[in-house]
Amino acid sequence: MAIGFGFLVRAIIRSQGGAQRAKEDAAAEA
């Protein structure tokens, strides 16, 4: 479970920003 949680946190951190950031920000603003 600890190893899986580490991979989950890593995936969440890596998915922040990038090409998806503008789309996510626009959805949050809407």
All heavy atoms as atom14 arrays in JSON, in Angstrom:
{
  "sequence": "MAIGFGFLVRAIIRSQGGAQRAKEDAAAEA",
  "atom14_mask": [
    [1, 1, 1, 1, 1, 1, 1, 1, 0, 0, 0, 0, 0, 0],
    [1, 1, 1, 1, 1, 0, 0, 0, 0, 0, 0, 0, 0, 0],
    [1, 1, 1, 1, 1, 1, 1, 1, 0, 0, 0, 0, 0, 0],
    [1, 1, 1, 1, 0, 0, 0, 0, 0, 0, 0, 0, 0, 0],
    [1, 1, 1, 1, 1, 1, 1, 1, 1, 1, 1, 0, 0, 0],
    [1, 1, 1, 1, 0, 0, 0, 0, 0, 0, 0, 0, 0, 0],
    [1, 1, 1, 1, 1, 1, 1, 1, 1, 1, 1, 0, 0, 0],
    [1, 1, 1, 1, 1, 1, 1, 1, 0, 0, 0, 0, 0, 0],
    [1, 1, 1, 1, 1, 1, 1, 0, 0, 0, 0, 0, 0, 0],
    [1, 1, 1, 1, 1, 1, 1, 1, 1, 1, 1, 0, 0, 0],
    [1, 1, 1, 1, 1, 0, 0, 0, 0, 0, 0, 0, 0, 0],
    [1, 1, 1, 1, 1, 1, 1, 1, 0, 0, 0, 0, 0, 0],
    [1, 1, 1, 1, 1, 1, 1, 1, 0, 0, 0, 0, 0, 0],
    [1, 1, 1, 1, 1, 1, 1, 1, 1, 1, 1, 0, 0, 0],
    [1, 1, 1, 1, 1, 1, 0, 0, 0, 0, 0, 0, 0, 0],
    [1, 1, 1, 1, 1, 1, 1, 1, 1, 0, 0, 0, 0, 0],
    [1, 1, 1, 1, 0, 0, 0, 0, 0, 0, 0, 0, 0, 0],
    [1, 1, 1, 1, 0, 0, 0, 0, 0, 0, 0, 0, 0, 0],
    [1, 1, 1, 1, 1, 0, 0, 0, 0, 0, 0, 0, 0, 0],
    [1, 1, 1, 1, 1, 1, 1, 1, 1, 0, 0, 0, 0, 0],
    [1, 1, 1, 1, 1, 1, 1, 1, 1, 1, 1, 0, 0, 0],
    [1, 1, 1, 1, 1, 0, 0, 0, 0, 0, 0, 0, 0, 0],
    [1, 1, 1, 1, 1, 1, 1, 1, 1, 0, 0, 0, 0, 0],
    [1, 1, 1, 1, 1, 1, 1, 1, 1, 0, 0, 0, 0, 0],
    [1, 1, 1, 1, 1, 1, 1, 1, 0, 0, 0, 0, 0, 0],
    [1, 1, 1, 1, 1, 0, 0, 0, 0, 0, 0, 0, 0, 0],
    [1, 1, 1, 1, 1, 0, 0, 0, 0, 0, 0, 0, 0, 0],
    [1, 1, 1, 1, 1, 0, 0, 0, 0, 0, 0, 0, 0, 0],
    [1, 1, 1, 1, 1, 1, 1, 1, 1, 0, 0, 0, 0, 0],
    [1, 1, 1, 1, 1, 0, 0, 0, 0, 0, 0, 0, 0, 0]
  ],
  "atom14_positions": [
    [[0.83, -1.21, 0.0], [0.0, 0.0, 0.0], [0.87, 1.26, 0.0], [0.54, 2.24, -0.68], [-0.92, 0.01, 1.22], [-2.0, -1.04, 1.16], [-3.13, -0.81, -0.2], [-3.99, 0.64, 0.34], [0.0, 0.0, 0.0], [0.0, 0.0, 0.0], [0.0, 0.0, 0.0], [0.0, 0.0, 0.0], [0.0, 0.0, 0.0], [0.0, 0.0, 0.0]],
    [[1.96, 1.26, 0.74], [2.85, 2.43, 0.77], [3.48, 2.67, -0.59], [3.57, 3.81, -1.04], [3.92, 2.22, 1.84], [0.0, 0.0, 0.0], [0.0, 0.0, 0.0], [0.0, 0.0, 0.0], [0.0, 0.0, 0.0], [0.0, 0.0, 0.0], [0.0, 0.0, 0.0], [0.0, 0.0, 0.0], [0.0, 0.0, 0.0], [0.0, 0.0, 0.0]],
    [[3.91, 1.61, -1.24], [4.5, 1.76, -2.57], [3.45, 2.26, -3.57], [3.7, 3.17, -4.37], [5.13, 0.43, -3.04], [6.34, 0.11, -2.17], [5.5, 0.48, -4.51], [6.89, -1.28, -2.36], [0.0, 0.0, 0.0], [0.0, 0.0, 0.0], [0.0, 0.0, 0.0], [0.0, 0.0, 0.0], [0.0, 0.0, 0.0], [0.0, 0.0, 0.0]],
    [[2.25, 1.7, -3.5], [1.17, 2.16, -4.38], [0.81, 3.6, -4.14], [0.58, 4.37, -5.07], [0.0, 0.0, 0.0], [0.0, 0.0, 0.0], [0.0, 0.0, 0.0], [0.0, 0.0, 0.0], [0.0, 0.0, 0.0], [0.0, 0.0, 0.0], [0.0, 0.0, 0.0], [0.0, 0.0, 0.0], [0.0, 0.0, 0.0], [0.0, 0.0, 0.0]],
    [[0.79, 4.01, -2.87], [0.48, 5.4, -2.54], [1.57, 6.33, -3.08], [1.28, 7.42, -3.58], [0.34, 5.57, -1.03], [-0.05, 6.95, -0.61], [-1.33, 7.42, -0.84], [0.86, 7.77, 0.02], [-1.7, 8.69, -0.46], [0.5, 9.04, 0.41], [-0.77, 9.5, 0.17], [0.0, 0.0, 0.0], [0.0, 0.0, 0.0], [0.0, 0.0, 0.0]],
    [[2.81, 5.89, -2.99], [3.91, 6.68, -3.55], [3.77, 6.89, -5.04], [3.97, 7.99, -5.55], [0.0, 0.0, 0.0], [0.0, 0.0, 0.0], [0.0, 0.0, 0.0], [0.0, 0.0, 0.0], [0.0, 0.0, 0.0], [0.0, 0.0, 0.0], [0.0, 0.0, 0.0], [0.0, 0.0, 0.0], [0.0, 0.0, 0.0], [0.0, 0.0, 0.0]],
    [[3.4, 5.82, -5.75], [3.18, 5.96, -7.19], [1.98, 6.86, -7.49], [1.99, 7.61, -8.47], [2.99, 4.59, -7.84], [4.28, 3.88, -8.11], [4.59, 2.71, -7.45], [5.18, 4.4, -9.03], [5.78, 2.05, -7.69], [6.38, 3.74, -9.29], [6.68, 2.57, -8.61], [0.0, 0.0, 0.0], [0.0, 0.0, 0.0], [0.0, 0.0, 0.0]],
    [[0.94, 6.79, -6.67], [-0.23, 7.65, -6.87], [0.14, 9.12, -6.69], [-0.23, 9.97, -7.51], [-1.34, 7.26, -5.89], [-2.59, 8.14, -5.9], [-3.32, 7.98, -7.23], [-3.5, 7.78, -4.75], [0.0, 0.0, 0.0], [0.0, 0.0, 0.0], [0.0, 0.0, 0.0], [0.0, 0.0, 0.0], [0.0, 0.0, 0.0], [0.0, 0.0, 0.0]],
    [[0.87, 9.44, -5.64], [1.31, 10.82, -5.4], [2.19, 11.29, -6.54], [2.05, 12.42, -7.03], [2.03, 10.92, -4.04], [2.71, 12.26, -3.89], [1.05, 10.68, -2.9], [0.0, 0.0, 0.0], [0.0, 0.0, 0.0], [0.0, 0.0, 0.0], [0.0, 0.0, 0.0], [0.0, 0.0, 0.0], [0.0, 0.0, 0.0], [0.0, 0.0, 0.0]],
    [[3.08, 10.42, -7.0], [3.97, 10.78, -8.11], [3.16, 11.07, -9.38], [3.44, 12.04, -10.09], [4.95, 9.63, -8.36], [5.94, 9.9, -9.43], [6.95, 8.76, -9.49], [7.84, 8.94, -10.6], [7.86, 8.17, -11.68], [7.02, 7.16, -11.77], [8.69, 8.4, -12.66], [0.0, 0.0, 0.0], [0.0, 0.0, 0.0], [0.0, 0.0, 0.0]],
    [[2.14, 10.27, -9.64], [1.32, 10.49, -10.82], [0.54, 11.79, -10.72], [0.4, 12.52, -11.7], [0.36, 9.32, -11.02], [0.0, 0.0, 0.0], [0.0, 0.0, 0.0], [0.0, 0.0, 0.0], [0.0, 0.0, 0.0], [0.0, 0.0, 0.0], [0.0, 0.0, 0.0], [0.0, 0.0, 0.0], [0.0, 0.0, 0.0], [0.0, 0.0, 0.0]],
    [[0.04, 12.1, -9.53], [-0.71, 13.34, -9.34], [0.21, 14.54, -9.54], [-0.17, 15.51, -10.21], [-1.37, 13.37, -7.95], [-2.5, 12.35, -7.88], [-1.87, 14.76, -7.6], [-3.07, 12.14, -6.5], [0.0, 0.0, 0.0], [0.0, 0.0, 0.0], [0.0, 0.0, 0.0], [0.0, 0.0, 0.0], [0.0, 0.0, 0.0], [0.0, 0.0, 0.0]],
    [[1.4, 14.49, -8.98], [2.33, 15.61, -9.12], [2.75, 15.78, -10.57], [2.82, 16.91, -11.08], [3.56, 15.39, -8.21], [3.13, 15.54, -6.75], [4.68, 16.36, -8.54], [4.19, 15.16, -5.76], [0.0, 0.0, 0.0], [0.0, 0.0, 0.0], [0.0, 0.0, 0.0], [0.0, 0.0, 0.0], [0.0, 0.0, 0.0], [0.0, 0.0, 0.0]],
    [[3.01, 14.68, -11.26], [3.44, 14.77, -12.66], [2.33, 15.25, -13.58], [2.6, 15.82, -14.64], [3.96, 13.42, -13.14], [5.27, 13.05, -12.47], [5.82, 11.8, -13.04], [6.19, 12.05, -14.43], [6.95, 11.26, -15.14], [7.42, 10.16, -14.61], [7.23, 11.54, -16.38], [0.0, 0.0, 0.0], [0.0, 0.0, 0.0], [0.0, 0.0, 0.0]],
    [[1.07, 15.04, -13.2], [-0.03, 15.46, -14.08], [-0.39, 16.93, -13.89], [-1.2, 17.45, -14.65], [-1.27, 14.6, -13.82], [-1.82, 14.89, -12.55], [0.0, 0.0, 0.0], [0.0, 0.0, 0.0], [0.0, 0.0, 0.0], [0.0, 0.0, 0.0], [0.0, 0.0, 0.0], [0.0, 0.0, 0.0], [0.0, 0.0, 0.0], [0.0, 0.0, 0.0]],
    [[0.22, 17.59, -12.92], [-0.06, 19.01, -12.72], [0.69, 19.83, -13.77], [1.85, 19.56, -14.07], [0.39, 19.46, -11.32], [-0.32, 18.74, -10.21], [-1.81, 18.93, -10.25], [-2.29, 20.05, -10.31], [-2.55, 17.85, -10.22], [0.0, 0.0, 0.0], [0.0, 0.0, 0.0], [0.0, 0.0, 0.0], [0.0, 0.0, 0.0], [0.0, 0.0, 0.0]],
    [[0.02, 20.83, -14.29], [0.66, 21.67, -15.28], [0.65, 21.04, -16.66], [-0.09, 20.12, -16.95], [0.0, 0.0, 0.0], [0.0, 0.0, 0.0], [0.0, 0.0, 0.0], [0.0, 0.0, 0.0], [0.0, 0.0, 0.0], [0.0, 0.0, 0.0], [0.0, 0.0, 0.0], [0.0, 0.0, 0.0], [0.0, 0.0, 0.0], [0.0, 0.0, 0.0]],
    [[1.48, 21.56, -17.52], [1.58, 21.02, -18.87], [0.42, 21.45, -19.75], [-0.21, 22.49, -19.54], [0.0, 0.0, 0.0], [0.0, 0.0, 0.0], [0.0, 0.0, 0.0], [0.0, 0.0, 0.0], [0.0, 0.0, 0.0], [0.0, 0.0, 0.0], [0.0, 0.0, 0.0], [0.0, 0.0, 0.0], [0.0, 0.0, 0.0], [0.0, 0.0, 0.0]],
    [[0.13, 20.64, -20.76], [-0.9, 20.98, -21.74], [-2.28, 20.96, -21.13], [-3.17, 21.69, -21.57], [-0.82, 20.01, -22.91], [0.0, 0.0, 0.0], [0.0, 0.0, 0.0], [0.0, 0.0, 0.0], [0.0, 0.0, 0.0], [0.0, 0.0, 0.0], [0.0, 0.0, 0.0], [0.0, 0.0, 0.0], [0.0, 0.0, 0.0], [0.0, 0.0, 0.0]],
    [[-2.5, 20.14, -20.11], [-3.82, 20.03, -19.51], [-4.13, 21.18, -18.55], [-5.27, 21.37, -18.17], [-3.94, 18.71, -18.74], [-3.88, 17.5, -19.63], [-5.12, 17.38, -20.5], [-6.15, 17.98, -20.25], [-5.02, 16.59, -21.54], [0.0, 0.0, 0.0], [0.0, 0.0, 0.0], [0.0, 0.0, 0.0], [0.0, 0.0, 0.0], [0.0, 0.0, 0.0]],
    [[-3.11, 21.92, -18.15], [-3.32, 22.95, -17.13], [-4.33, 24.01, -17.57], [-5.2, 24.4, -16.8], [-2.0, 23.6, -16.76], [-2.16, 24.59, -15.63], [-0.85, 25.14, -15.17], [-1.09, 25.95, -14.0], [-0.28, 26.05, -13.0], [0.82, 25.36, -13.0], [-0.56, 26.82, -11.98], [0.0, 0.0, 0.0], [0.0, 0.0, 0.0], [0.0, 0.0, 0.0]],
    [[-4.23, 24.48, -18.8], [-5.14, 25.52, -19.27], [-6.58, 25.0, -19.3], [-7.51, 25.7, -18.91], [-4.72, 25.99, -20.65], [0.0, 0.0, 0.0], [0.0, 0.0, 0.0], [0.0, 0.0, 0.0], [0.0, 0.0, 0.0], [0.0, 0.0, 0.0], [0.0, 0.0, 0.0], [0.0, 0.0, 0.0], [0.0, 0.0, 0.0], [0.0, 0.0, 0.0]],
    [[-6.77, 23.76, -19.72], [-8.11, 23.19, -19.78], [-8.68, 23.02, -18.37], [-9.84, 23.32, -18.13], [-8.07, 21.85, -20.52], [-9.45, 21.27, -20.76], [-9.46, 20.2, -21.83], [-8.68, 18.99, -21.42], [-8.91, 17.83, -22.3], [0.0, 0.0, 0.0], [0.0, 0.0, 0.0], [0.0, 0.0, 0.0], [0.0, 0.0, 0.0], [0.0, 0.0, 0.0]],
    [[-7.84, 22.55, -17.44], [-8.3, 22.37, -16.06], [-8.61, 23.72, -15.42], [-9.6, 23.86, -14.69], [-7.24, 21.63, -15.25], [-7.08, 20.19, -15.67], [-5.89, 19.53, -15.0], [-5.19, 20.2, -14.23], [-5.69, 18.33, -15.26], [0.0, 0.0, 0.0], [0.0, 0.0, 0.0], [0.0, 0.0, 0.0], [0.0, 0.0, 0.0], [0.0, 0.0, 0.0]],
    [[-7.77, 24.72, -15.68], [-8.02, 26.05, -15.13], [-9.31, 26.64, -15.69], [-10.08, 27.28, -14.97], [-6.85, 26.98, -15.42], [-5.62, 26.66, -14.56], [-5.78, 25.9, -13.59], [-4.54, 27.18, -14.87], [0.0, 0.0, 0.0], [0.0, 0.0, 0.0], [0.0, 0.0, 0.0], [0.0, 0.0, 0.0], [0.0, 0.0, 0.0], [0.0, 0.0, 0.0]],
    [[-9.56, 26.44, -16.97], [-10.78, 26.96, -17.58], [-12.01, 26.28, -17.0], [-13.02, 26.94, -16.73], [-10.73, 26.75, -19.1], [0.0, 0.0, 0.0], [0.0, 0.0, 0.0], [0.0, 0.0, 0.0], [0.0, 0.0, 0.0], [0.0, 0.0, 0.0], [0.0, 0.0, 0.0], [0.0, 0.0, 0.0], [0.0, 0.0, 0.0], [0.0, 0.0, 0.0]],
    [[-11.93, 24.99, -16.75], [-13.06, 24.27, -16.16], [-13.3, 24.74, -14.74], [-14.45, 24.92, -14.32], [-12.79, 22.77, -16.18], [0.0, 0.0, 0.0], [0.0, 0.0, 0.0], [0.0, 0.0, 0.0], [0.0, 0.0, 0.0], [0.0, 0.0, 0.0], [0.0, 0.0, 0.0], [0.0, 0.0, 0.0], [0.0, 0.0, 0.0], [0.0, 0.0, 0.0]],
    [[-12.24, 24.97, -13.99], [-12.39, 25.45, -12.6], [-12.98, 26.85, -12.59], [-13.84, 27.16, -11.74], [-11.04, 25.43, -11.91], [0.0, 0.0, 0.0], [0.0, 0.0, 0.0], [0.0, 0.0, 0.0], [0.0, 0.0, 0.0], [0.0, 0.0, 0.0], [0.0, 0.0, 0.0], [0.0, 0.0, 0.0], [0.0, 0.0, 0.0], [0.0, 0.0, 0.0]],
    [[-12.54, 27.71, -13.5], [-13.09, 29.07, -13.56], [-14.57, 29.04, -13.94], [-15.37, 29.81, -13.41], [-12.3, 29.91, -14.57], [-10.89, 30.23, -14.13], [-10.85, 31.16, -12.93], [-11.75, 32.0, -12.78], [-9.91, 31.02, -12.14], [0.0, 0.0, 0.0], [0.0, 0.0, 0.0], [0.0, 0.0, 0.0], [0.0, 0.0, 0.0], [0.0, 0.0, 0.0]],
    [[-14.94, 28.15, -14.85], [-16.33, 28.06, -15.27], [-17.2, 27.58, -14.1], [-18.3, 28.11, -13.88], [-16.48, 27.11, -16.45], [0.0, 0.0, 0.0], [0.0, 0.0, 0.0], [0.0, 0.0, 0.0], [0.0, 0.0, 0.0], [0.0, 0.0, 0.0], [0.0, 0.0, 0.0], [0.0, 0.0, 0.0], [0.0, 0.0, 0.0], [0.0, 0.0, 0.0]]
  ]
}
